[in-house]
C-alpha atoms as a PDB file:
ATOM      1  CA  MET A   1      57.667 119.325  88.796  1.00  0.00           C
ATOM      2  CA  LYS A   2      58.368 118.219  85.199  1.00  0.00           C
ATOM      3  CA  ALA A   3      61.399 120.351  85.141  1.00  0.00           C
ATOM      4  CA  VAL A   4      62.807 118.761  88.299  1.00  0.00           C
ATOM      5  CA  LYS A   5      62.319 115.413  86.834  1.00  0.00           C
ATOM      6  CA  PHE A   6      64.089 116.579  83.630  1.00  0.00           C
ATOM      7  CA  ILE A   7      67.107 117.814  85.642  1.00  0.00           C
ATOM      8  CA  GLU A   8      67.312 114.387  87.280  1.00  0.00           C
ATOM      9  CA  MET A   9      66.876 112.672  84.053  1.00  0.00           C
ATOM     10  CA  ILE A  10      69.441 114.910  82.378  1.00  0.00           C
ATOM     11  CA  LEU A  11      71.952 113.483  84.772  1.00  0.00           C
ATOM     12  CA  LEU A  12      70.681 109.913  84.892  1.00  0.00           C
ATOM     13  CA  SER A  13      68.996 108.539  81.761  1.00  0.00           C
ATOM     14  CA  LEU A  14      66.252 110.994  80.703  1.00  0.00           C
ATOM     15  CA  PHE A  15      63.092 109.658  79.257  1.00  0.00           C
ATOM     16  CA  MET A  16      64.717 109.034  75.955  1.00  0.00           C
ATOM     17  CA  SER A  17      66.225 105.637  75.545  1.00  0.00           C
ATOM     18  CA  LEU A  18      68.371 106.250  72.361  1.00  0.00           C
ATOM     19  CA  ASN A  19      70.499 109.249  72.019  1.00  0.00           C
ATOM     20  CA  PHE A  20      73.130 110.496  69.606  1.00  0.00           C
ATOM     21  CA  ALA A  21      75.504 113.405  69.635  1.00  0.00           C
ATOM     22  CA  SER A  22      76.995 115.349  66.842  1.00  0.00           C
ATOM     23  CA  CYS A  23      80.440 114.320  65.821  1.00  0.00           C
ATOM     24  CA  GLY A  24      82.279 117.528  66.635  1.00  0.00           C
ATOM     25  CA  LYS A  25      83.613 118.516  70.131  1.00  0.00           C
ATOM     26  CA  GLU A  26      83.472 121.946  71.229  1.00  0.00           C
ATOM     27  CA  ASP A  27      85.294 123.037  74.277  1.00  0.00           C
ATOM     28  CA  ILE A  28      83.504 125.194  76.833  1.00  0.00           C
ATOM     29  CA  ASP A  29      84.669 127.207  79.846  1.00  0.00           C
ATOM     30  CA  ASP A  30      83.678 124.615  82.460  1.00  0.00           C
ATOM     31  CA  SER A  31      84.514 126.974  85.242  1.00  0.00           C
ATOM     32  CA  LYS A  32      81.201 128.569  84.621  1.00  0.00           C
ATOM     33  CA  LEU A  33      79.398 125.293  85.067  1.00  0.00           C
ATOM     34  CA  GLU A  34      79.629 125.041  88.843  1.00  0.00           C
ATOM     35  CA  GLY A  35      77.100 126.655  91.078  1.00  0.00           C
ATOM     36  CA  GLU A  36      73.416 127.164  91.461  1.00  0.00           C
ATOM     37  CA  TRP A  37      71.256 127.177  88.224  1.00  0.00           C
ATOM     38  CA  LEU A  38      67.522 128.143  88.414  1.00  0.00           C
ATOM     39  CA  PHE A  39      65.166 126.494  85.935  1.00  0.00           C
ATOM     40  CA  LYS A  40      63.860 128.901  83.401  1.00  0.00           C
ATOM     41  CA  SER A  41      62.299 126.942  80.520  1.00  0.00           C
ATOM     42  CA  ASP A  42      61.782 123.561  78.831  1.00  0.00           C
ATOM     43  CA  VAL A  43      61.019 123.525  75.158  1.00  0.00           C
ATOM     44  CA  GLY A  44      60.690 120.452  73.031  1.00  0.00           C
ATOM     45  CA  TYR A  45      58.861 118.162  70.548  1.00  0.00           C
ATOM     46  CA  ILE A  46      58.392 114.472  69.303  1.00  0.00           C
ATOM     47  CA  LEU A  47      58.365 114.061  65.725  1.00  0.00           C
ATOM     48  CA  ASP A  48      56.753 111.139  63.928  1.00  0.00           C
ATOM     49  CA  LYS A  49      59.410 109.989  61.359  1.00  0.00           C
ATOM     50  CA  ASN A  50      56.936 108.415  59.015  1.00  0.00           C
ATOM     51  CA  THR A  51      54.528 111.493  58.649  1.00  0.00           C
ATOM     52  CA  ASN A  52      57.037 114.178  59.557  1.00  0.00           C
ATOM     53  CA  GLU A  53      54.388 115.598  61.930  1.00  0.00           C
ATOM     54  CA  LYS A  54      54.722 116.625  65.536  1.00  0.00           C
ATOM     55  CA  VAL A  55      52.965 114.074  67.884  1.00  0.00           C
ATOM     56  CA  ASP A  56      53.782 116.143  70.996  1.00  0.00           C
ATOM     57  CA  ASP A  57      55.353 119.507  71.876  1.00  0.00           C
ATOM     58  CA  TRP A  58      55.733 121.614  74.955  1.00  0.00           C
ATOM     59  CA  ASN A  59      57.016 124.987  76.107  1.00  0.00           C
ATOM     60  CA  GLU A  60      57.049 125.255  79.894  1.00  0.00           C
ATOM     61  CA  GLY A  61      58.339 127.885  82.159  1.00  0.00           C
ATOM     62  CA  ILE A  62      58.705 128.380  85.877  1.00  0.00           C
ATOM     63  CA  GLY A  63      55.850 126.629  87.555  1.00  0.00           C
ATOM     64  CA  GLU A  64      54.200 127.149  90.920  1.00  0.00           C
ATOM     65  CA  ASN A  65      57.085 125.390  92.554  1.00  0.00           C
ATOM     66  CA  PRO A  66      60.400 126.881  91.257  1.00  0.00           C
ATOM     67  CA  GLU A  67      63.282 124.445  90.640  1.00  0.00           C
ATOM     68  CA  LYS A  68      67.029 124.522  90.700  1.00  0.00           C
ATOM     69  CA  ALA A  69      70.129 122.493  90.260  1.00  0.00           C
ATOM     70  CA  ILE A  70      73.464 122.742  92.106  1.00  0.00           C
ATOM     71  CA  VAL A  71      76.435 121.539  90.164  1.00  0.00           C
ATOM     72  CA  LYS A  72      79.772 120.809  91.894  1.00  0.00           C
ATOM     73  CA  LYS A  73      83.221 119.767  90.405  1.00  0.00           C
ATOM     74  CA  VAL A  74      84.116 116.425  91.732  1.00  0.00           C
ATOM     75  CA  LYS A  75      87.486 116.070  89.862  1.00  0.00           C
ATOM     76  CA  ASP A  76      88.782 117.012  86.332  1.00  0.00           C
ATOM     77  CA  ASN A  77      85.727 116.878  83.922  1.00  0.00           C
ATOM     78  CA  VAL A  78      83.543 115.030  86.516  1.00  0.00           C
ATOM     79  CA  TYR A  79      80.758 116.812  88.083  1.00  0.00           C
ATOM     80  CA  SER A  80      77.808 116.149  90.557  1.00  0.00           C
ATOM     81  CA  ILE A  81      74.352 117.458  90.407  1.00  0.00           C
ATOM     82  CA  GLN A  82      71.685 117.805  92.999  1.00  0.00           C
ATOM     83  CA  SER A  83      68.113 118.906  92.134  1.00  0.00           C
ATOM     84  CA  TYR A  84      65.794 121.080  94.380  1.00  0.00           C
ATOM     85  CA  ILE A  85      62.302 122.244  94.305  1.00  0.00           C
ATOM     86  CA  LYS A  86      60.949 125.186  96.299  1.00  0.00           C
ATOM     87  CA  ILE A  87      57.927 124.202  98.397  1.00  0.00           C
ATOM     88  CA  ASN A  88      56.226 126.642 100.673  1.00  0.00           C
ATOM     89  CA  GLY A  89      59.192 128.900 100.481  1.00  0.00           C
ATOM     90  CA  ASN A  90      61.731 126.214 101.331  1.00  0.00           C
ATOM     91  CA  TRP A  91      64.149 124.437  98.976  1.00  0.00           C
ATOM     92  CA  LYS A  92      63.977 120.667  99.355  1.00  0.00           C
ATOM     93  CA  ALA A  93      66.206 118.100  97.625  1.00  0.00           C
ATOM     94  CA  ASP A  94      64.298 116.343  94.860  1.00  0.00           C
ATOM     95  CA  GLY A  95      66.043 113.042  94.069  1.00  0.00           C
ATOM     96  CA  GLY A  96      69.514 111.887  94.568  1.00  0.00           C
ATOM     97  CA  ILE A  97      73.000 113.253  93.633  1.00  0.00           C
ATOM     98  CA  SER A  98      73.986 112.245  90.246  1.00  0.00           C
ATOM     99  CA  GLN A  99      77.403 112.392  88.414  1.00  0.00           C
ATOM    100  CA  PHE A 100      78.391 113.214  84.950  1.00  0.00           C
ATOM    101  CA  ARG A 101      81.538 113.841  82.902  1.00  0.00           C
ATOM    102  CA  LEU A 102      82.083 116.696  80.517  1.00  0.00           C
ATOM    103  CA  GLU A 103      83.830 116.010  77.204  1.00  0.00           C
ATOM    104  CA  GLY A 104      84.036 119.177  75.263  1.00  0.00           C
ATOM    105  CA  ASN A 105      80.550 120.381  75.272  1.00  0.00           C
ATOM    106  CA  LYS A 106      79.051 116.984  75.802  1.00  0.00           C
ATOM    107  CA  ILE A 107      77.480 115.794  79.064  1.00  0.00           C
ATOM    108  CA  ILE A 108      77.850 111.971  79.551  1.00  0.00           C
ATOM    109  CA  PHE A 109      76.067 110.316  82.476  1.00  0.00           C
ATOM    110  CA  GLU A 110      77.671 107.947  84.922  1.00  0.00           C
ATOM    111  CA  GLY A 111      76.517 104.486  84.068  1.00  0.00           C
ATOM    112  CA  SER A 112      74.834 105.376  80.750  1.00  0.00           C
ATOM    113  CA  GLU A 113      77.331 106.078  77.925  1.00  0.00           C
ATOM    114  CA  ASP A 114      74.437 106.377  75.466  1.00  0.00           C
ATOM    115  CA  ASP A 115      72.784 109.255  77.485  1.00  0.00           C
ATOM    116  CA  VAL A 116      74.519 112.326  76.026  1.00  0.00           C
ATOM    117  CA  ARG A 117      73.458 115.929  76.170  1.00  0.00           C
ATOM    118  CA  THR A 118      74.974 118.946  74.489  1.00  0.00           C
ATOM    119  CA  ILE A 119      75.699 122.314  76.266  1.00  0.00           C
ATOM    120  CA  THR A 120      74.903 124.773  73.504  1.00  0.00           C
ATOM    121  CA  THR A 121      75.132 127.939  75.701  1.00  0.00           C
ATOM    122  CA  LEU A 122      77.256 128.491  78.825  1.00  0.00           C
ATOM    123  CA  THR A 123      77.909 131.980  80.101  1.00  0.00           C
ATOM    124  CA  SER A 124      78.264 133.262  83.685  1.00  0.00           C
ATOM    125  CA  ASP A 125      74.399 133.675  83.863  1.00  0.00           C
ATOM    126  CA  LYS A 126      72.965 131.192  81.265  1.00  0.00           C
ATOM    127  CA  LEU A 127      73.003 127.405  80.649  1.00  0.00           C
ATOM    128  CA  VAL A 128      71.290 125.803  77.740  1.00  0.00           C
ATOM    129  CA  ILE A 129      71.320 121.950  77.381  1.00  0.00           C
ATOM    130  CA  VAL A 130      69.906 120.233  74.303  1.00  0.00           C
ATOM    131  CA  SER A 131      68.896 116.554  73.918  1.00  0.00           C
ATOM    132  CA  GLU A 132      68.301 114.982  70.567  1.00  0.00           C
ATOM    133  CA  SER A 133      67.532 111.309  70.020  1.00  0.00           C
ATOM    134  CA  GLU A 134      65.548 108.992  68.027  1.00  0.00           C
ATOM    135  CA  ASP A 135      64.145 105.476  67.798  1.00  0.00           C
ATOM    136  CA  ASP A 136      62.518 103.560  64.957  1.00  0.00           C
ATOM    137  CA  GLU A 137      59.238 105.783  65.011  1.00  0.00           C
ATOM    138  CA  TYR A 138      60.199 109.130  66.477  1.00  0.00           C
ATOM    139  CA  LYS A 139      62.629 111.965  66.729  1.00  0.00           C
ATOM    140  CA  TYR A 140      62.986 113.765  70.058  1.00  0.00           C
ATOM    141  CA  TYR A 141      64.215 117.215  70.826  1.00  0.00           C
ATOM    142  CA  GLU A 142      64.339 119.033  74.085  1.00  0.00           C
ATOM    143  CA  GLU A 143      66.047 122.265  75.127  1.00  0.00           C
ATOM    144  CA  VAL A 144      66.294 123.263  78.708  1.00  0.00           C
ATOM    145  CA  THR A 145      67.457 126.764  79.844  1.00  0.00           C
ATOM    146  CA  TYR A 146      68.706 127.656  83.285  1.00  0.00           C
ATOM    147  CA  THR A 147      69.808 131.049  84.607  1.00  0.00           C
ATOM    148  CA  ARG A 148      71.677 132.322  87.769  1.00  0.00           C
END
């Protein structure tokens, strides 16, 4: 269930309030982005900036109820995404449809210009999205992997 919420948050406002992106833009082959992506793993941590110690970390894989996202191109560089969860053998929509735009390898969420994620890997069968942010006390890192 956490992964489904992560997918929604990736495309809405994720649980991190302040985000930053690296300065460089890297173009990706966005034709590979459309389609069905199955959640594979969610790895991340929260680091205390004062002590440089991890206050939380996680490494989650596919749970009891598999999750997926379907990405569709709306127009040039604009995509929609719908999250699903498999319950009792049936896929059910989990949350609403969200939109984002793609700028190079950056995902920028509709209505939230500060909510930026980076696509670090995009092949025909693998998608990796990284989120990095920080506030006054903590640094956040999260890497979510999807496969076809």
